[in-house]
Protein backbone atom coordinates (compact mmCIF):
# COMPACT_ATOMS: atom_id res chain seq x y z
CA GLU A 1 -61.57 -36.33 -76.62
CA LYS A 2 -60.70 -38.28 -79.69
CA LEU A 3 -62.06 -36.93 -82.96
CA ARG A 4 -64.50 -39.25 -84.60
CA VAL A 5 -63.82 -39.57 -88.25
CA SER A 6 -66.04 -40.88 -91.01
CA GLU A 7 -65.30 -41.10 -94.74
CA PRO A 8 -65.68 -37.66 -96.29
CA SER A 9 -67.88 -37.61 -99.42
CA ASN A 10 -66.49 -34.42 -100.85
CA ALA A 11 -63.69 -31.88 -100.72
CA TYR A 12 -65.56 -29.57 -98.37
CA ASP A 13 -66.19 -32.38 -95.75
CA PHE A 14 -62.65 -33.54 -96.14
CA GLY A 15 -61.38 -29.99 -95.59
CA GLN A 16 -63.44 -29.64 -92.47
CA VAL A 17 -62.01 -32.83 -90.98
CA ILE A 18 -58.47 -31.93 -91.97
CA ASN A 19 -58.85 -28.48 -90.35
CA ALA A 20 -60.11 -30.12 -87.08
CA VAL A 21 -57.29 -32.70 -87.10
CA ASN A 22 -54.70 -30.00 -87.81
CA ALA A 23 -55.96 -27.69 -85.12
CA ASN A 24 -55.72 -30.41 -82.50
CA LYS A 25 -52.59 -31.97 -84.03
CA ASP A 26 -54.52 -35.21 -83.73
CA LYS A 27 -52.38 -37.64 -85.66
CA ALA A 28 -54.40 -40.63 -84.53
CA ALA A 29 -57.59 -39.14 -86.02
CA CYS A 30 -55.62 -38.17 -89.18
CA ALA A 31 -54.45 -41.79 -89.49
CA ASP A 32 -58.09 -42.93 -89.12
CA LEU A 33 -59.09 -40.52 -91.90
CA LEU A 34 -56.37 -41.74 -94.18
CA THR A 35 -57.18 -45.35 -93.50
CA ILE A 36 -60.81 -44.99 -94.49
CA THR A 37 -60.11 -42.63 -97.42
CA ASP A 38 -59.39 -44.18 -100.80
CA PRO A 39 -55.90 -42.92 -101.78
CA LYS A 40 -57.06 -42.42 -105.40
CA LYS A 41 -59.57 -39.83 -104.13
CA LEU A 42 -56.92 -37.72 -102.36
CA PRO A 43 -56.15 -35.26 -105.16
CA VAL A 44 -59.83 -34.55 -105.61
CA LEU A 45 -60.63 -34.40 -101.84
CA LEU A 46 -57.64 -32.09 -101.18
CA SER A 47 -58.68 -29.94 -104.12
CA ASN A 48 -56.34 -26.84 -104.02
CA LYS A 49 -56.04 -26.87 -100.21
CA LEU A 50 -52.74 -28.76 -99.79
CA GLU A 51 -50.39 -26.91 -97.43
CA GLY A 52 -47.19 -27.72 -95.60
CA GLN A 53 -48.97 -28.33 -92.28
CA ILE A 54 -51.34 -30.78 -93.91
CA LEU A 55 -48.60 -32.62 -95.76
CA LEU A 56 -46.68 -32.95 -92.52
CA ILE A 57 -49.54 -34.20 -90.43
CA PHE A 58 -50.31 -36.74 -93.17
CA ILE A 59 -46.64 -37.84 -93.23
CA GLN A 60 -46.48 -38.09 -89.36
CA SER A 61 -49.81 -39.92 -89.12
CA LEU A 62 -48.80 -42.39 -91.76
CA GLU A 63 -45.43 -42.94 -90.18
CA HIS A 64 -46.64 -43.45 -86.58
CA TYR A 65 -50.00 -45.18 -87.08
CA VAL A 66 -50.23 -46.79 -90.52
CA ALA A 67 -46.79 -47.76 -91.78
CA GLY A 68 -46.31 -50.69 -89.31
CA LYS A 69 -49.70 -52.15 -90.21
CA ASP A 70 -50.15 -51.41 -93.91
CA PRO A 71 -47.14 -50.15 -95.69
CA GLY A 72 -48.92 -50.68 -99.06
CA LEU A 73 -51.59 -48.11 -98.08
CA VAL A 74 -48.93 -45.70 -97.03
CA TYR A 75 -47.28 -45.99 -100.43
CA GLN A 76 -50.63 -45.47 -102.18
CA HIS A 77 -51.28 -42.37 -100.16
CA LEU A 78 -47.79 -40.97 -100.88
CA PHE A 79 -48.21 -41.72 -104.57
CA TYR A 80 -51.62 -39.99 -104.89
CA LEU A 81 -50.59 -37.17 -102.58
CA SER A 82 -47.88 -36.31 -105.09
CA LYS A 83 -50.66 -35.86 -107.74
CA ALA A 84 -52.41 -33.25 -105.67
CA GLU A 85 -52.68 -29.69 -106.77
CA ARG A 86 -49.96 -27.47 -105.13
CA PHE A 87 -47.85 -30.58 -104.23
CA LYS A 88 -44.67 -29.14 -105.89
CA VAL A 89 -45.14 -25.77 -104.23
CA VAL A 90 -45.70 -27.27 -100.83
CA LEU A 91 -42.72 -29.58 -101.27
CA ALA A 92 -40.48 -26.67 -102.21
CA LEU A 93 -41.42 -24.82 -99.04
CA LEU A 94 -40.58 -27.67 -96.63
CA SER A 95 -37.72 -27.03 -94.20
CA LYS A 96 -34.77 -29.35 -93.92
CA ASN A 97 -36.22 -30.98 -90.77
CA GLU A 98 -39.60 -31.42 -92.52
CA LYS A 99 -37.94 -33.03 -95.51
CA GLU A 100 -36.14 -35.41 -93.08
CA GLU A 101 -39.51 -36.48 -91.72
CA VAL A 102 -40.69 -37.36 -95.17
CA GLU A 103 -37.47 -39.26 -95.77
CA GLN A 104 -38.01 -41.21 -92.49
CA LEU A 105 -41.31 -42.43 -93.75
CA PHE A 106 -39.74 -43.60 -97.04
CA ASN A 107 -37.06 -45.36 -95.06
CA LEU A 108 -39.70 -47.23 -93.10
CA LEU A 109 -41.40 -48.31 -96.27
CA SER A 110 -38.10 -49.51 -97.79
CA GLU A 111 -37.67 -51.74 -94.74
CA SER A 112 -41.21 -53.16 -95.13
CA GLN A 113 -42.41 -55.70 -97.62
CA SER A 114 -45.60 -55.12 -99.59
CA ASP A 115 -47.08 -56.45 -102.77
CA GLN A 116 -48.31 -52.89 -103.42
CA TYR A 117 -44.89 -51.60 -104.42
CA SER A 118 -41.43 -52.67 -105.46
CA VAL A 119 -38.10 -51.24 -104.49
CA GLU A 120 -38.06 -49.50 -107.95
CA ASP A 121 -41.50 -47.98 -107.30
CA LEU A 122 -40.30 -46.62 -104.04
CA GLU A 123 -37.14 -45.17 -105.59
CA SER A 124 -39.03 -43.39 -108.33
CA LEU A 125 -41.57 -41.99 -105.81
CA LYS A 126 -38.66 -40.77 -103.67
CA LYS A 127 -37.46 -38.75 -106.70
CA VAL A 128 -40.95 -37.18 -106.99
CA TYR A 129 -40.54 -36.13 -103.33
CA GLU A 130 -37.12 -34.78 -104.21
CA LEU A 131 -35.31 -37.08 -101.79
């Protein structure tokens, strides 16, 4: 059964949805969540709860469900995700394969056109993700 997702109003609600999404590995529901969540709110909604598993399901959901439709939104999410607490720690703990998944998403974005980001924006964000 598909998880129904509504816009979380606070970090607690967001955490509950993320936990459910993660437990079921429900990338479609995660994509729904990211589509209705304002990217600027991500750092606040994630609070100090960012983990490798969460980063990965975000990356996979954005890659499989959102990048083809709205690369600009994906860029925004990647940008604000990098401002979240614990981002550097989580990034440092990613395996080689996990890093490759992040890189795939960036490659998709570089093949897409969007008025939300330039090639330069993308390159500087890749550096933040240590790619």
